């Protein structure tokens, strides 16, 4: 497994996230994606949203032939991930919750965070002004790369992100909460994802509408200046 810290994140994290989808997604990919999250029940920390979008290496700008920003990934892609969560329990002010976060592909598991001190992450942002570990809404945005291997077939895959919040560095269970994991302390429930993905067809149509709008605006400005 590959372990990446914050220093390993590329400096292009701030690339704009949009729903543009390239036509090289496998023909057998469905137009519907089950975007729900399996969340640990009765937890102090609840995951509310997960977004993971992939680009081909060398994609630096919208319109590039390698720019995909796709929900489907390939080995060698760079992935941009955002996770939102809420601290709903009354954690002790001196508590130091830990985060373990992994992304599962077809043949590779990337450990993005392992035993990371949640409240001290540079990628952590508050969404409502709360200060971790006090109750409130937060987000984490980061980036990693899917490494190529000898078995790479260039096939697309839909990654699964598993998340665990815990008190101990070697936990048997994620006692503070988590999502898409078998290590919940108790039961789980299915939650709708805060991030809603368009289907590849709908996203392509939306992108074309945006392009036509830009062309029309440029034409109107040119006509006015003429």
Protein backbone atom coordinates (compact mmCIF):
# COMPACT_ATOMS: atom_id res chain seq x y z
CA UNK A 1 0.00 0.00 0.00
CA UNK A 2 1.09 3.55 -0.66
CA UNK A 3 1.07 6.04 2.23
CA UNK A 4 0.94 9.70 1.37
CA UNK A 5 1.23 12.61 3.79
CA UNK A 6 0.26 16.19 3.23
CA UNK A 7 3.69 17.03 1.84
CA UNK A 8 3.17 14.53 -0.97
CA UNK A 9 0.14 16.39 -2.31
CA UNK A 10 0.76 18.16 -5.61
CA UNK A 11 0.59 21.93 -5.64
CA UNK A 12 -2.29 21.99 -8.11
CA UNK A 13 -4.92 21.15 -5.47
CA UNK A 14 -6.66 24.42 -6.30
CA UNK A 15 -7.64 23.28 -9.80
CA UNK A 16 -11.28 24.11 -10.38
CA UNK A 17 -13.61 21.16 -9.78
CA UNK A 18 -16.29 20.72 -12.44
CA UNK A 19 -18.33 17.91 -13.90
CA UNK A 20 -16.72 17.67 -17.35
CA UNK A 21 -16.58 14.04 -18.48
CA UNK A 22 -14.45 12.79 -21.36
CA UNK A 23 -15.68 10.16 -23.79
CA UNK A 24 -13.02 7.62 -22.94
CA UNK A 25 -15.02 6.11 -20.07
CA UNK A 26 -15.58 2.42 -20.72
CA UNK A 27 -18.63 1.65 -22.88
CA UNK A 28 -20.06 -0.62 -20.19
CA UNK A 29 -20.20 2.16 -17.55
CA UNK A 30 -23.76 2.84 -16.44
CA UNK A 31 -25.26 6.34 -16.59
CA UNK A 32 -26.29 6.02 -12.95
CA UNK A 33 -23.87 5.96 -10.03
CA UNK A 34 -24.90 4.84 -6.56
CA UNK A 35 -23.59 7.84 -4.66
CA UNK A 36 -24.79 6.88 -1.18
CA UNK A 37 -22.55 6.53 1.88
CA UNK A 38 -22.64 3.78 4.51
CA UNK A 39 -22.11 5.71 7.76
CA UNK A 40 -21.35 4.40 11.24
CA UNK A 41 -24.43 4.86 13.45
CA UNK A 42 -24.58 6.69 16.78
CA UNK A 43 -21.11 8.19 16.32
CA UNK A 44 -19.50 11.35 17.63
CA UNK A 45 -18.32 12.20 14.10
CA UNK A 46 -20.55 11.64 11.04
CA UNK A 47 -19.42 11.75 7.41
CA UNK A 48 -21.83 13.79 5.25
CA UNK A 49 -20.14 13.87 1.85
CA UNK A 50 -17.34 12.37 -0.25
CA UNK A 51 -16.17 13.69 -3.63
CA UNK A 52 -13.34 12.08 -5.61
CA UNK A 53 -12.55 13.21 -9.16
CA UNK A 54 -9.70 12.02 -11.39
CA UNK A 55 -7.60 13.61 -14.14
CA UNK A 56 -5.03 12.15 -16.50
CA UNK A 57 -1.39 13.10 -15.77
CA UNK A 58 -0.48 16.39 -17.42
CA UNK A 59 -4.01 17.83 -17.28
CA UNK A 60 -3.55 21.41 -16.16
CA UNK A 61 -6.45 23.34 -17.64
CA UNK A 62 -10.07 23.02 -18.74
CA UNK A 63 -10.24 22.04 -22.41
CA UNK A 64 -7.01 20.04 -22.38
CA UNK A 65 -7.35 16.65 -24.05
CA UNK A 66 -6.19 15.09 -20.77
CA UNK A 67 -8.55 17.09 -18.56
CA UNK A 68 -11.32 14.69 -17.42
CA UNK A 69 -12.34 15.60 -13.84
CA UNK A 70 -14.12 12.28 -13.89
CA UNK A 71 -15.77 10.19 -11.19
CA UNK A 72 -14.12 7.19 -12.90
CA UNK A 73 -10.36 6.80 -12.46
CA UNK A 74 -7.46 5.01 -14.13
CA UNK A 75 -4.11 3.95 -12.72
CA UNK A 76 -1.68 6.84 -13.10
CA UNK A 77 -4.41 9.45 -12.60
CA UNK A 78 -4.19 12.24 -10.08
CA UNK A 79 -7.22 12.31 -7.78
CA UNK A 80 -8.77 15.29 -6.01
CA UNK A 81 -10.81 14.40 -2.96
CA UNK A 82 -13.06 16.40 -0.64
CA UNK A 83 -14.71 14.93 2.44
CA UNK A 84 -17.24 16.72 4.66
CA UNK A 85 -18.21 15.67 8.16
CA UNK A 86 -19.91 16.88 11.31
CA UNK A 87 -18.76 16.55 14.88
CA UNK A 88 -22.06 15.87 16.62
CA UNK A 89 -20.81 14.49 19.92
CA UNK A 90 -19.49 16.48 22.84
CA UNK A 91 -15.81 15.56 22.60
CA UNK A 92 -13.49 16.63 25.39
CA UNK A 93 -11.65 19.85 24.57
CA UNK A 94 -8.36 18.03 25.11
CA UNK A 95 -9.32 15.04 22.95
CA UNK A 96 -7.16 14.38 19.91
CA UNK A 97 -9.24 12.40 17.36
CA UNK A 98 -7.31 10.52 14.67
CA UNK A 99 -8.23 10.03 11.02
CA UNK A 100 -7.54 7.07 8.73
CA UNK A 101 -8.67 7.47 5.13
CA UNK A 102 -8.13 5.03 2.26
CA UNK A 103 -9.12 4.95 -1.41
CA UNK A 104 -9.75 1.54 -2.98
CA UNK A 105 -9.30 0.98 -6.72
CA UNK A 106 -9.42 -2.20 -8.76
CA UNK A 107 -5.98 -3.39 -7.69
CA UNK A 108 -4.55 -0.72 -5.42
CA UNK A 109 -5.34 0.76 -2.03
CA UNK A 110 -3.97 4.26 -1.42
CA UNK A 111 -3.70 5.21 2.25
CA UNK A 112 -4.18 8.97 2.12
CA UNK A 113 -4.16 9.44 5.92
CA UNK A 114 -3.25 7.00 8.66
CA UNK A 115 -3.47 8.00 12.32
CA UNK A 116 -3.49 11.66 11.23
CA UNK A 117 -4.33 14.15 13.99
CA UNK A 118 -7.66 15.39 12.67
CA UNK A 119 -7.76 18.81 14.27
CA UNK A 120 -4.20 19.64 13.20
CA UNK A 121 -4.53 18.80 9.50
CA UNK A 122 -3.61 21.68 7.21
CA UNK A 123 -6.28 20.44 4.80
CA UNK A 124 -9.01 20.86 7.44
CA UNK A 125 -11.49 23.74 7.02
CA UNK A 126 -14.44 24.77 9.13
CA UNK A 127 -17.78 25.23 7.34
CA UNK A 128 -19.62 27.03 10.13
CA UNK A 129 -16.92 28.72 12.20
CA UNK A 130 -16.59 25.88 14.70
CA UNK A 131 -13.20 24.92 16.09
CA UNK A 132 -12.21 21.23 16.08
CA UNK A 133 -12.96 19.17 18.21
CA UNK A 134 -16.01 21.24 19.17
CA UNK A 135 -19.32 20.33 17.49
CA UNK A 136 -19.66 21.75 13.99
CA UNK A 137 -19.28 21.11 10.26
CA UNK A 138 -15.89 20.64 8.60
CA UNK A 139 -14.28 19.63 5.31
CA UNK A 140 -10.96 18.14 4.22
CA UNK A 141 -9.62 18.61 0.68
CA UNK A 142 -6.52 16.83 -0.54
CA UNK A 143 -4.99 15.14 -3.55
CA UNK A 144 -3.13 11.93 -4.32
CA UNK A 145 -2.05 9.83 -7.30
CA UNK A 146 -2.99 6.31 -8.37
CA UNK A 147 0.27 4.52 -9.06
CA UNK A 148 0.67 2.44 -12.23
CA UNK A 149 1.74 -1.21 -11.97
CA UNK A 150 2.73 -4.06 -14.26
CA UNK A 151 -0.87 -5.29 -14.43
CA UNK A 152 -2.23 -1.95 -15.62
CA UNK A 153 -4.86 -2.52 -18.35
CA UNK A 154 -5.89 1.15 -18.61
CA UNK A 155 -9.40 0.24 -17.48
CA UNK A 156 -11.58 2.76 -15.68
CA UNK A 157 -12.81 2.06 -12.15
CA UNK A 158 -15.11 3.73 -9.65
CA UNK A 159 -13.10 4.15 -6.42
CA UNK A 160 -14.40 3.50 -2.92
CA UNK A 161 -13.29 5.81 -0.12
CA UNK A 162 -13.27 4.37 3.41
CA UNK A 163 -13.00 6.67 6.42
CA UNK A 164 -12.37 6.06 10.11
CA UNK A 165 -12.25 8.40 13.11
CA UNK A 166 -10.68 6.85 16.20
CA UNK A 167 -9.02 7.54 19.54
CA UNK A 168 -6.23 4.92 19.46
CA UNK A 169 -3.41 4.55 16.92
CA UNK A 170 -4.03 0.82 16.47
CA UNK A 171 -7.82 0.60 16.66
CA UNK A 172 -9.87 -2.59 16.53
CA UNK A 173 -12.86 -0.41 15.73
CA UNK A 174 -13.42 3.19 14.67
CA UNK A 175 -14.90 4.29 17.99
CA UNK A 176 -15.58 7.90 16.93
CA UNK A 177 -17.22 7.19 13.59
CA UNK A 178 -16.53 6.46 9.95
CA UNK A 179 -17.99 5.56 6.57
CA UNK A 180 -17.73 2.74 4.03
CA UNK A 181 -15.88 0.55 6.50
CA UNK A 182 -16.36 -2.72 8.38
CA UNK A 183 -14.74 -1.26 11.50
CA UNK A 184 -17.72 0.68 12.85
CA UNK A 185 -18.28 0.35 16.60
CA UNK A 186 -21.95 -0.48 16.08
CA UNK A 187 -24.42 -0.52 13.22
CA UNK A 188 -24.42 1.51 10.01
CA UNK A 189 -26.99 3.46 8.04
CA UNK A 190 -27.19 4.58 4.42
CA UNK A 191 -26.92 8.34 3.91
CA UNK A 192 -27.24 10.43 0.76
CA UNK A 193 -23.99 12.04 -0.32
CA UNK A 194 -23.72 15.82 -0.02
CA UNK A 195 -21.94 15.80 -3.38
CA UNK A 196 -24.19 14.87 -6.31
CA UNK A 197 -22.57 13.59 -9.49
CA UNK A 198 -24.05 14.00 -12.96
CA UNK A 199 -24.14 10.98 -15.23
CA UNK A 200 -21.50 11.03 -18.01
CA UNK A 201 -24.16 11.89 -20.64
CA UNK A 202 -25.79 14.62 -18.57
CA UNK A 203 -22.40 16.08 -17.67
CA UNK A 204 -21.35 16.17 -21.32
CA UNK A 205 -24.58 17.94 -22.31
CA UNK A 206 -24.12 20.45 -19.47
CA UNK A 207 -20.54 21.14 -20.58
CA UNK A 208 -21.75 21.76 -24.16
CA UNK A 209 -24.34 24.24 -22.90
CA UNK A 210 -21.62 26.09 -20.98
CA UNK A 211 -19.41 26.16 -24.08
CA UNK A 212 -22.25 27.48 -26.25
CA UNK A 213 -22.99 30.14 -23.64
CA UNK A 214 -19.37 31.32 -23.66
CA UNK A 215 -19.32 31.42 -27.46
CA UNK A 216 -22.58 33.40 -27.50
CA UNK A 217 -21.28 35.87 -24.92
CA UNK A 218 -18.05 36.43 -26.90
CA UNK A 219 -20.10 36.95 -30.05
CA UNK A 220 -22.33 39.51 -28.36
CA UNK A 221 -19.29 41.43 -27.05
CA UNK A 222 -17.69 41.36 -30.51
CA UNK A 223 -20.91 42.60 -32.14
CA UNK A 224 -21.21 45.42 -29.58
CA UNK A 225 -17.59 46.52 -30.09
CA UNK A 226 -17.93 46.32 -33.86
